[in-house]
Amino acid sequence: MTAQNELRLLPWTGPEGKPCYLDTDDRERYMSRLADHIESVQLGMAAELRGQAVQVLDNETEDLEKLRLVAAKLAGALRDVLRVATSRGHRLETPE
């Protein structure tokens, strides 16, 4: 069995929010390409959300409910971006 630190952390969670891992070095396999695509979508959504959040925060007349909604979305986007960063960090080649 492959050690957990050699597995790819996937950009989604399994039941009960537990992390999912992929055991492959082949970036051309379906699951690797799917994970790459989902990571790209998550990063794009986070960038778009950041722009929306700046607009909401710049508007002094926004109500508290809208601010809470943006904060909740930002928290979710940050969770996703951190998972992508963690996954990519684990896959960096380390010098021997």
PDB file of N, CA and C in Angstrom:
ATOM      1  N   MET A   1       0.841  -1.183   0.000  1.00  0.00           N
ATOM      2  CA  MET A   1       0.000   0.000   0.000  1.00  0.00           C
ATOM      3  C   MET A   1       0.885   1.245   0.000  1.00  0.00           C
ATOM      4  N   THR A   2       0.459   2.259  -0.715  1.00  0.00           N
ATOM      5  CA  THR A   2       1.202   3.510  -0.799  1.00  0.00           C
ATOM      6  C   THR A   2       1.013   4.308   0.477  1.00  0.00           C
ATOM      7  N   ALA A   3       2.075   4.963   0.928  1.00  0.00           N
ATOM      8  CA  ALA A   3       1.974   5.800   2.127  1.00  0.00           C
ATOM      9  C   ALA A   3       1.061   6.982   1.847  1.00  0.00           C
ATOM     10  N   GLN A   4       0.339   7.443   2.870  1.00  0.00           N
ATOM     11  CA  GLN A   4      -0.622   8.519   2.689  1.00  0.00           C
ATOM     12  C   GLN A   4       0.049   9.793   2.175  1.00  0.00           C
ATOM     13  N   ASN A   5       1.308  10.043   2.568  1.00  0.00           N
ATOM     14  CA  ASN A   5       1.969  11.258   2.108  1.00  0.00           C
ATOM     15  C   ASN A   5       2.365  11.174   0.636  1.00  0.00           C
ATOM     16  N   GLU A   6       2.231  10.007   0.005  1.00  0.00           N
ATOM     17  CA  GLU A   6       2.513   9.855  -1.408  1.00  0.00           C
ATOM     18  C   GLU A   6       1.230   9.886  -2.243  1.00  0.00           C
ATOM     19  N   LEU A   7       0.081   9.943  -1.603  1.00  0.00           N
ATOM     20  CA  LEU A   7      -1.190   9.975  -2.298  1.00  0.00           C
ATOM     21  C   LEU A   7      -1.543  11.411  -2.669  1.00  0.00           C
ATOM     22  N   ARG A   8      -2.342  11.570  -3.703  1.00  0.00           N
ATOM     23  CA  ARG A   8      -2.800  12.901  -4.101  1.00  0.00           C
ATOM     24  C   ARG A   8      -4.072  13.228  -3.335  1.00  0.00           C
ATOM     25  N   LEU A   9      -4.049  14.333  -2.621  1.00  0.00           N
ATOM     26  CA  LEU A   9      -5.250  14.833  -1.957  1.00  0.00           C
ATOM     27  C   LEU A   9      -6.164  15.400  -3.031  1.00  0.00           C
ATOM     28  N   LEU A  10      -7.377  14.869  -3.108  1.00  0.00           N
ATOM     29  CA  LEU A  10      -8.321  15.308  -4.130  1.00  0.00           C
ATOM     30  C   LEU A  10      -9.052  16.581  -3.689  1.00  0.00           C
ATOM     31  N   PRO A  11      -9.555  17.355  -4.643  1.00  0.00           N
ATOM     32  CA  PRO A  11     -10.181  18.634  -4.318  1.00  0.00           C
ATOM     33  C   PRO A  11     -11.632  18.510  -3.836  1.00  0.00           C
ATOM     34  N   TRP A  12     -12.023  17.342  -3.415  1.00  0.00           N
ATOM     35  CA  TRP A  12     -13.353  17.149  -2.853  1.00  0.00           C
ATOM     36  C   TRP A  12     -13.234  16.244  -1.633  1.00  0.00           C
ATOM     37  N   THR A  13     -14.287  16.189  -0.864  1.00  0.00           N
ATOM     38  CA  THR A  13     -14.290  15.335   0.319  1.00  0.00           C
ATOM     39  C   THR A  13     -15.269  14.191   0.126  1.00  0.00           C
ATOM     40  N   GLY A  14     -15.093  13.191   0.949  1.00  0.00           N
ATOM     41  CA  GLY A  14     -15.982  12.046   0.920  1.00  0.00           C
ATOM     42  C   GLY A  14     -17.063  12.192   1.968  1.00  0.00           C
ATOM     43  N   PRO A  15     -17.693  11.089   2.309  1.00  0.00           N
ATOM     44  CA  PRO A  15     -18.740  11.119   3.330  1.00  0.00           C
ATOM     45  C   PRO A  15     -18.219  11.731   4.630  1.00  0.00           C
ATOM     46  N   GLU A  16     -19.063  12.478   5.248  1.00  0.00           N
ATOM     47  CA  GLU A  16     -18.760  13.114   6.536  1.00  0.00           C
ATOM     48  C   GLU A  16     -17.601  14.095   6.438  1.00  0.00           C
ATOM     49  N   GLY A  17     -17.311  14.601   5.225  1.00  0.00           N
ATOM     50  CA  GLY A  17     -16.267  15.600   5.061  1.00  0.00           C
ATOM     51  C   GLY A  17     -14.850  15.072   5.145  1.00  0.00           C
ATOM     52  N   LYS A  18     -14.698  13.765   5.084  1.00  0.00           N
ATOM     53  CA  LYS A  18     -13.349  13.183   5.173  1.00  0.00           C
ATOM     54  C   LYS A  18     -12.611  13.377   3.844  1.00  0.00           C
ATOM     55  N   PRO A  19     -11.280  13.588   3.918  1.00  0.00           N
ATOM     56  CA  PRO A  19     -10.518  13.798   2.687  1.00  0.00           C
ATOM     57  C   PRO A  19     -10.503  12.553   1.809  1.00  0.00           C
ATOM     58  N   CYS A  20     -10.409  12.787   0.504  1.00  0.00           N
ATOM     59  CA  CYS A  20     -10.283  11.707  -0.477  1.00  0.00           C
ATOM     60  C   CYS A  20      -8.895  11.789  -1.097  1.00  0.00           C
ATOM     61  N   TYR A  21      -8.321  10.629  -1.376  1.00  0.00           N
ATOM     62  CA  TYR A  21      -6.978  10.560  -1.940  1.00  0.00           C
ATOM     63  C   TYR A  21      -6.979   9.693  -3.190  1.00  0.00           C
ATOM     64  N   LEU A  22      -6.023   9.964  -4.063  1.00  0.00           N
ATOM     65  CA  LEU A  22      -5.858   9.203  -5.291  1.00  0.00           C
ATOM     66  C   LEU A  22      -4.456   8.604  -5.304  1.00  0.00           C
ATOM     67  N   ASP A  23      -4.371   7.325  -5.617  1.00  0.00           N
ATOM     68  CA  ASP A  23      -3.093   6.619  -5.657  1.00  0.00           C
ATOM     69  C   ASP A  23      -2.690   6.404  -7.109  1.00  0.00           C
ATOM     70  N   THR A  24      -2.052   7.406  -7.716  1.00  0.00           N
ATOM     71  CA  THR A  24      -1.523   7.272  -9.068  1.00  0.00           C
ATOM     72  C   THR A  24      -0.494   8.360  -9.322  1.00  0.00           C
ATOM     73  N   ASP A  25       0.480   8.037 -10.151  1.00  0.00           N
ATOM     74  CA  ASP A  25       1.456   9.023 -10.597  1.00  0.00           C
ATOM     75  C   ASP A  25       1.159   9.466 -12.022  1.00  0.00           C
ATOM     76  N   ASP A  26       0.183   8.838 -12.659  1.00  0.00           N
ATOM     77  CA  ASP A  26      -0.136   9.108 -14.057  1.00  0.00           C
ATOM     78  C   ASP A  26      -1.113  10.278 -14.160  1.00  0.00           C
ATOM     79  N   ARG A  27      -0.609  11.446 -14.572  1.00  0.00           N
ATOM     80  CA  ARG A  27      -1.437  12.650 -14.660  1.00  0.00           C
ATOM     81  C   ARG A  27      -2.427  12.588 -15.823  1.00  0.00           C
ATOM     82  N   GLU A  28      -2.297  11.598 -16.688  1.00  0.00           N
ATOM     83  CA  GLU A  28      -3.187  11.483 -17.839  1.00  0.00           C
ATOM     84  C   GLU A  28      -4.387  10.573 -17.573  1.00  0.00           C
ATOM     85  N   ARG A  29      -4.430   9.940 -16.426  1.00  0.00           N
ATOM     86  CA  ARG A  29      -5.565   9.074 -16.088  1.00  0.00           C
ATOM     87  C   ARG A  29      -6.792   9.932 -15.838  1.00  0.00           C
ATOM     88  N   TYR A  30      -7.962   9.345 -16.017  1.00  0.00           N
ATOM     89  CA  TYR A  30      -9.228  10.070 -15.902  1.00  0.00           C
ATOM     90  C   TYR A  30      -9.359  10.795 -14.565  1.00  0.00           C
ATOM     91  N   MET A  31      -9.108  10.119 -13.469  1.00  0.00           N
ATOM     92  CA  MET A  31      -9.297  10.741 -12.151  1.00  0.00           C
ATOM     93  C   MET A  31      -8.322  11.886 -11.924  1.00  0.00           C
ATOM     94  N   SER A  32      -7.106  11.765 -12.412  1.00  0.00           N
ATOM     95  CA  SER A  32      -6.138  12.858 -12.291  1.00  0.00           C
ATOM     96  C   SER A  32      -6.597  14.069 -13.092  1.00  0.00           C
ATOM     97  N   ARG A  33      -7.056  13.830 -14.320  1.00  0.00           N
ATOM     98  CA  ARG A  33      -7.532  14.938 -15.149  1.00  0.00           C
ATOM     99  C   ARG A  33      -8.785  15.573 -14.551  1.00  0.00           C
ATOM    100  N   LEU A  34      -9.673  14.750 -13.987  1.00  0.00           N
ATOM    101  CA  LEU A  34     -10.873  15.282 -13.334  1.00  0.00           C
ATOM    102  C   LEU A  34     -10.486  16.143 -12.137  1.00  0.00           C
ATOM    103  N   ALA A  35      -9.567  15.669 -11.331  1.00  0.00           N
ATOM    104  CA  ALA A  35      -9.118  16.438 -10.166  1.00  0.00           C
ATOM    105  C   ALA A  35      -8.470  17.752 -10.612  1.00  0.00           C
ATOM    106  N   ASP A  36      -7.641  17.708 -11.666  1.00  0.00           N
ATOM    107  CA  ASP A  36      -7.027  18.931 -12.187  1.00  0.00           C
ATOM    108  C   ASP A  36      -8.097  19.929 -12.624  1.00  0.00           C
ATOM    109  N   HIS A  37      -9.112  19.432 -13.325  1.00  0.00           N
ATOM    110  CA  HIS A  37     -10.187  20.294 -13.807  1.00  0.00           C
ATOM    111  C   HIS A  37     -10.960  20.921 -12.638  1.00  0.00           C
ATOM    112  N   ILE A  38     -11.296  20.125 -11.654  1.00  0.00           N
ATOM    113  CA  ILE A  38     -12.051  20.642 -10.512  1.00  0.00           C
ATOM    114  C   ILE A  38     -11.216  21.657  -9.735  1.00  0.00           C
ATOM    115  N   GLU A  39      -9.919  21.400  -9.576  1.00  0.00           N
ATOM    116  CA  GLU A  39      -9.047  22.379  -8.923  1.00  0.00           C
ATOM    117  C   GLU A  39      -9.071  23.701  -9.689  1.00  0.00           C
ATOM    118  N   SER A  40      -8.991  23.622 -11.002  1.00  0.00           N
ATOM    119  CA  SER A  40      -9.005  24.828 -11.831  1.00  0.00           C
ATOM    120  C   SER A  40     -10.315  25.601 -11.660  1.00  0.00           C
ATOM    121  N   VAL A  41     -11.418  24.878 -11.637  1.00  0.00           N
ATOM    122  CA  VAL A  41     -12.730  25.511 -11.435  1.00  0.00           C
ATOM    123  C   VAL A  41     -12.792  26.167 -10.059  1.00  0.00           C
ATOM    124  N   GLN A  42     -12.329  25.464  -9.039  1.00  0.00           N
ATOM    125  CA  GLN A  42     -12.357  26.011  -7.682  1.00  0.00           C
ATOM    126  C   GLN A  42     -11.520  27.279  -7.575  1.00  0.00           C
ATOM    127  N   LEU A  43     -10.339  27.285  -8.175  1.00  0.00           N
ATOM    128  CA  LEU A  43      -9.487  28.469  -8.130  1.00  0.00           C
ATOM    129  C   LEU A  43     -10.123  29.624  -8.893  1.00  0.00           C
ATOM    130  N   GLY A  44     -10.727  29.337 -10.018  1.00  0.00           N
ATOM    131  CA  GLY A  44     -11.418  30.377 -10.786  1.00  0.00           C
ATOM    132  C   GLY A  44     -12.594  30.961 -10.027  1.00  0.00           C
ATOM    133  N   MET A  45     -13.359  30.093  -9.380  1.00  0.00           N
ATOM    134  CA  MET A  45     -14.508  30.567  -8.593  1.00  0.00           C
ATOM    135  C   MET A  45     -14.043  31.423  -7.424  1.00  0.00           C
ATOM    136  N   ALA A  46     -12.934  31.043  -6.795  1.00  0.00           N
ATOM    137  CA  ALA A  46     -12.402  31.823  -5.678  1.00  0.00           C
ATOM    138  C   ALA A  46     -11.976  33.209  -6.155  1.00  0.00           C
ATOM    139  N   ALA A  47     -11.343  33.285  -7.301  1.00  0.00           N
ATOM    140  CA  ALA A  47     -10.920  34.582  -7.847  1.00  0.00           C
ATOM    141  C   ALA A  47     -12.132  35.455  -8.162  1.00  0.00           C
ATOM    142  N   GLU A  48     -13.153  34.857  -8.749  1.00  0.00           N
ATOM    143  CA  GLU A  48     -14.378  35.604  -9.060  1.00  0.00           C
ATOM    144  C   GLU A  48     -15.067  36.069  -7.779  1.00  0.00           C
ATOM    145  N   LEU A  49     -15.136  35.202  -6.795  1.00  0.00           N
ATOM    146  CA  LEU A  49     -15.768  35.544  -5.526  1.00  0.00           C
ATOM    147  C   LEU A  49     -15.019  36.669  -4.824  1.00  0.00           C
ATOM    148  N   ARG A  50     -13.701  36.652  -4.921  1.00  0.00           N
ATOM    149  CA  ARG A  50     -12.913  37.717  -4.309  1.00  0.00           C
ATOM    150  C   ARG A  50     -13.324  39.069  -4.875  1.00  0.00           C
ATOM    151  N   GLY A  51     -13.501  39.142  -6.185  1.00  0.00           N
ATOM    152  CA  GLY A  51     -13.942  40.391  -6.821  1.00  0.00           C
ATOM    153  C   GLY A  51     -15.311  40.817  -6.329  1.00  0.00           C
ATOM    154  N   GLN A  52     -16.220  39.874  -6.196  1.00  0.00           N
ATOM    155  CA  GLN A  52     -17.564  40.186  -5.686  1.00  0.00           C
ATOM    156  C   GLN A  52     -17.497  40.669  -4.243  1.00  0.00           C
ATOM    157  N   ALA A  53     -16.640  40.033  -3.439  1.00  0.00           N
ATOM    158  CA  ALA A  53     -16.521  40.412  -2.038  1.00  0.00           C
ATOM    159  C   ALA A  53     -15.995  41.835  -1.897  1.00  0.00           C
ATOM    160  N   VAL A  54     -15.031  42.189  -2.731  1.00  0.00           N
ATOM    161  CA  VAL A  54     -14.499  43.551  -2.687  1.00  0.00           C
ATOM    162  C   VAL A  54     -15.602  44.559  -2.984  1.00  0.00           C
ATOM    163  N   GLN A  55     -16.440  44.265  -3.964  1.00  0.00           N
ATOM    164  CA  GLN A  55     -17.552  45.165  -4.305  1.00  0.00           C
ATOM    165  C   GLN A  55     -18.517  45.303  -3.126  1.00  0.00           C
ATOM    166  N   VAL A  56     -18.859  44.207  -2.492  1.00  0.00           N
ATOM    167  CA  VAL A  56     -19.783  44.240  -1.353  1.00  0.00           C
ATOM    168  C   VAL A  56     -19.168  45.031  -0.204  1.00  0.00           C
ATOM    169  N   LEU A  57     -17.899  44.784   0.070  1.00  0.00           N
ATOM    170  CA  LEU A  57     -17.247  45.470   1.181  1.00  0.00           C
ATOM    171  C   LEU A  57     -17.049  46.956   0.905  1.00  0.00           C
ATOM    172  N   ASP A  58     -16.897  47.316  -0.359  1.00  0.00           N
ATOM    173  CA  ASP A  58     -16.739  48.728  -0.711  1.00  0.00           C
ATOM    174  C   ASP A  58     -18.055  49.497  -0.629  1.00  0.00           C
ATOM    175  N   ASN A  59     -19.167  48.790  -0.669  1.00  0.00           N
ATOM    176  CA  ASN A  59     -20.483  49.420  -0.624  1.00  0.00           C
ATOM    177  C   ASN A  59     -20.924  49.555   0.835  1.00  0.00           C
ATOM    178  N   GLU A  60     -20.881  50.762   1.343  1.00  0.00           N
ATOM    179  CA  GLU A  60     -21.199  51.002   2.756  1.00  0.00           C
ATOM    180  C   GLU A  60     -22.673  50.782   3.092  1.00  0.00           C
ATOM    181  N   THR A  61     -23.511  50.653   2.081  1.00  0.00           N
ATOM    182  CA  THR A  61     -24.945  50.485   2.351  1.00  0.00           C
ATOM    183  C   THR A  61     -25.393  49.030   2.347  1.00  0.00           C
ATOM    184  N   GLU A  62     -24.460  48.096   2.109  1.00  0.00           N
ATOM    185  CA  GLU A  62     -24.847  46.676   2.095  1.00  0.00           C
ATOM    186  C   GLU A  62     -25.368  46.245   3.461  1.00  0.00           C
ATOM    187  N   ASP A  63     -26.382  45.390   3.438  1.00  0.00           N
ATOM    188  CA  ASP A  63     -26.955  44.925   4.710  1.00  0.00           C
ATOM    189  C   ASP A  63     -26.138  43.769   5.295  1.00  0.00           C
ATOM    190  N   LEU A  64     -26.371  43.511   6.544  1.00  0.00           N
ATOM    191  CA  LEU A  64     -25.615  42.497   7.281  1.00  0.00           C
ATOM    192  C   LEU A  64     -25.805  41.104   6.675  1.00  0.00           C
ATOM    193  N   GLU A  65     -26.996  40.813   6.187  1.00  0.00           N
ATOM    194  CA  GLU A  65     -27.263  39.490   5.610  1.00  0.00           C
ATOM    195  C   GLU A  65     -26.389  39.238   4.374  1.00  0.00           C
ATOM    196  N   LYS A  66     -26.235  40.257   3.543  1.00  0.00           N
ATOM    197  CA  LYS A  66     -25.402  40.107   2.352  1.00  0.00           C
ATOM    198  C   LYS A  66     -23.931  39.933   2.747  1.00  0.00           C
ATOM    199  N   LEU A  67     -23.494  40.652   3.770  1.00  0.00           N
ATOM    200  CA  LEU A  67     -22.125  40.504   4.255  1.00  0.00           C
ATOM    201  C   LEU A  67     -21.890  39.094   4.803  1.00  0.00           C
ATOM    202  N   ARG A  68     -22.874  38.564   5.517  1.00  0.00           N
ATOM    203  CA  ARG A  68     -22.746  37.203   6.042  1.00  0.00           C
ATOM    204  C   ARG A  68     -22.670  36.183   4.916  1.00  0.00           C
ATOM    205  N   LEU A  69     -23.482  36.382   3.893  1.00  0.00           N
ATOM    206  CA  LEU A  69     -23.478  35.468   2.746  1.00  0.00           C
ATOM    207  C   LEU A  69     -22.107  35.474   2.063  1.00  0.00           C
ATOM    208  N   VAL A  70     -21.557  36.668   1.854  1.00  0.00           N
ATOM    209  CA  VAL A  70     -20.239  36.767   1.230  1.00  0.00           C
ATOM    210  C   VAL A  70     -19.186  36.114   2.120  1.00  0.00           C
ATOM    211  N   ALA A  71     -19.268  36.342   3.426  1.00  0.00           N
ATOM    212  CA  ALA A  71     -18.296  35.731   4.347  1.00  0.00           C
ATOM    213  C   ALA A  71     -18.382  34.209   4.294  1.00  0.00           C
ATOM    214  N   ALA A  72     -19.584  33.656   4.236  1.00  0.00           N
ATOM    215  CA  ALA A  72     -19.752  32.202   4.165  1.00  0.00           C
ATOM    216  C   ALA A  72     -19.174  31.649   2.858  1.00  0.00           C
ATOM    217  N   LYS A  73     -19.425  32.339   1.756  1.00  0.00           N
ATOM    218  CA  LYS A  73     -18.880  31.898   0.471  1.00  0.00           C
ATOM    219  C   LYS A  73     -17.359  31.997   0.464  1.00  0.00           C
ATOM    220  N   LEU A  74     -16.825  33.067   1.048  1.00  0.00           N
ATOM    221  CA  LEU A  74     -15.368  33.215   1.127  1.00  0.00           C
ATOM    222  C   LEU A  74     -14.744  32.109   1.964  1.00  0.00           C
ATOM    223  N   ALA A  75     -15.391  31.731   3.048  1.00  0.00           N
ATOM    224  CA  ALA A  75     -14.877  30.653   3.895  1.00  0.00           C
ATOM    225  C   ALA A  75     -14.833  29.343   3.110  1.00  0.00           C
ATOM    226  N   GLY A  76     -15.865  29.060   2.338  1.00  0.00           N
ATOM    227  CA  GLY A  76     -15.881  27.851   1.513  1.00  0.00           C
ATOM    228  C   GLY A  76     -14.811  27.883   0.434  1.00  0.00           C
ATOM    229  N   ALA A  77     -14.645  29.040  -0.201  1.00  0.00           N
ATOM    230  CA  ALA A  77     -13.624  29.179  -1.238  1.00  0.00           C
ATOM    231  C   ALA A  77     -12.228  29.037  -0.638  1.00  0.00           C
ATOM    232  N   LEU A  78     -12.028  29.611   0.539  1.00  0.00           N
ATOM    233  CA  LEU A  78     -10.724  29.492   1.199  1.00  0.00           C
ATOM    234  C   LEU A  78     -10.425  28.033   1.546  1.00  0.00           C
ATOM    235  N   ARG A  79     -11.429  27.300   2.008  1.00  0.00           N
ATOM    236  CA  ARG A  79     -11.260  25.870   2.295  1.00  0.00           C
ATOM    237  C   ARG A  79     -10.798  25.136   1.034  1.00  0.00           C
ATOM    238  N   ASP A  80     -11.462  25.419  -0.092  1.00  0.00           N
ATOM    239  CA  ASP A  80     -11.122  24.750  -1.346  1.00  0.00           C
ATOM    240  C   ASP A  80      -9.715  25.116  -1.818  1.00  0.00           C
ATOM    241  N   VAL A  81      -9.371  26.392  -1.742  1.00  0.00           N
ATOM    242  CA  VAL A  81      -8.061  26.852  -2.192  1.00  0.00           C
ATOM    243  C   VAL A  81      -6.954  26.255  -1.318  1.00  0.00           C
ATOM    244  N   LEU A  82      -7.199  26.176  -0.019  1.00  0.00           N
ATOM    245  CA  LEU A  82      -6.209  25.568   0.877  1.00  0.00           C
ATOM    246  C   LEU A  82      -6.019  24.087   0.566  1.00  0.00           C
ATOM    247  N   ARG A  83      -7.105  23.400   0.219  1.00  0.00           N
ATOM    248  CA  ARG A  83      -6.999  21.983  -0.139  1.00  0.00           C
ATOM    249  C   ARG A  83      -6.182  21.831  -1.425  1.00  0.00           C
ATOM    250  N   VAL A  84      -6.421  22.706  -2.407  1.00  0.00           N
ATOM    251  CA  VAL A  84      -5.652  22.666  -3.648  1.00  0.00           C
ATOM    252  C   VAL A  84      -4.173  22.931  -3.360  1.00  0.00           C
ATOM    253  N   ALA A  85      -3.893  23.950  -2.548  1.00  0.00           N
ATOM    254  CA  ALA A  85      -2.501  24.279  -2.219  1.00  0.00           C
ATOM    255  C   ALA A  85      -1.816  23.129  -1.481  1.00  0.00           C
ATOM    256  N   THR A  86      -2.520  22.519  -0.559  1.00  0.00           N
ATOM    257  CA  THR A  86      -1.965  21.389   0.182  1.00  0.00           C
ATOM    258  C   THR A  86      -1.661  20.230  -0.760  1.00  0.00           C
ATOM    259  N   SER A  87      -2.609  19.932  -1.635  1.00  0.00           N
ATOM    260  CA  SER A  87      -2.433  18.834  -2.585  1.00  0.00           C
ATOM    261  C   SER A  87      -1.241  19.097  -3.498  1.00  0.00           C
ATOM    262  N   ARG A  88      -1.162  20.303  -4.028  1.00  0.00           N
ATOM    263  CA  ARG A  88      -0.067  20.623  -4.949  1.00  0.00           C
ATOM    264  C   ARG A  88       1.269  20.660  -4.216  1.00  0.00           C
ATOM    265  N   GLY A  89       1.255  21.137  -2.983  1.00  0.00           N
ATOM    266  CA  GLY A  89       2.483  21.156  -2.191  1.00  0.00           C
ATOM    267  C   GLY A  89       3.017  19.763  -1.934  1.00  0.00           C
ATOM    268  N   HIS A  90       2.122  18.818  -1.690  1.00  0.00           N
ATOM    269  CA  HIS A  90       2.548  17.431  -1.452  1.00  0.00           C
ATOM    270  C   HIS A  90       3.124  16.794  -2.709  1.00  0.00           C
ATOM    271  N   ARG A  91       2.697  17.273  -3.872  1.00  0.00           N
ATOM    272  CA  ARG A  91       3.153  16.676  -5.125  1.00  0.00           C
ATOM    273  C   ARG A  91       4.431  17.304  -5.668  1.00  0.00           C
ATOM    274  N   LEU A  92       4.927  18.357  -5.002  1.00  0.00           N
ATOM    275  CA  LEU A  92       6.193  18.943  -5.443  1.00  0.00           C
ATOM    276  C   LEU A  92       7.312  17.956  -5.217  1.00  0.00           C
ATOM    277  N   GLU A  93       8.206  17.900  -6.148  1.00  0.00           N
ATOM    278  CA  GLU A  93       9.352  17.000  -5.980  1.00  0.00           C
ATOM    279  C   GLU A  93      10.287  17.610  -4.942  1.00  0.00           C
ATOM    280  N   THR A  94      10.715  16.771  -4.029  1.00  0.00           N
ATOM    281  CA  THR A  94      11.647  17.231  -3.002  1.00  0.00           C
ATOM    282  C   THR A  94      13.041  16.734  -3.350  1.00  0.00           C
ATOM    283  N   PRO A  95      14.036  17.598  -3.229  1.00  0.00           N
ATOM    284  CA  PRO A  95      15.398  17.156  -3.537  1.00  0.00           C
ATOM    285  C   PRO A  95      15.863  16.110  -2.540  1.00  0.00           C
ATOM    286  N   GLU A  96      16.611  15.154  -3.028  1.00  0.00           N
ATOM    287  CA  GLU A  96      17.088  14.067  -2.166  1.00  0.00           C
ATOM    288  C   GLU A  96      18.308  14.469  -1.374  1.00  0.00           C
TER     289      GLU A  96
END
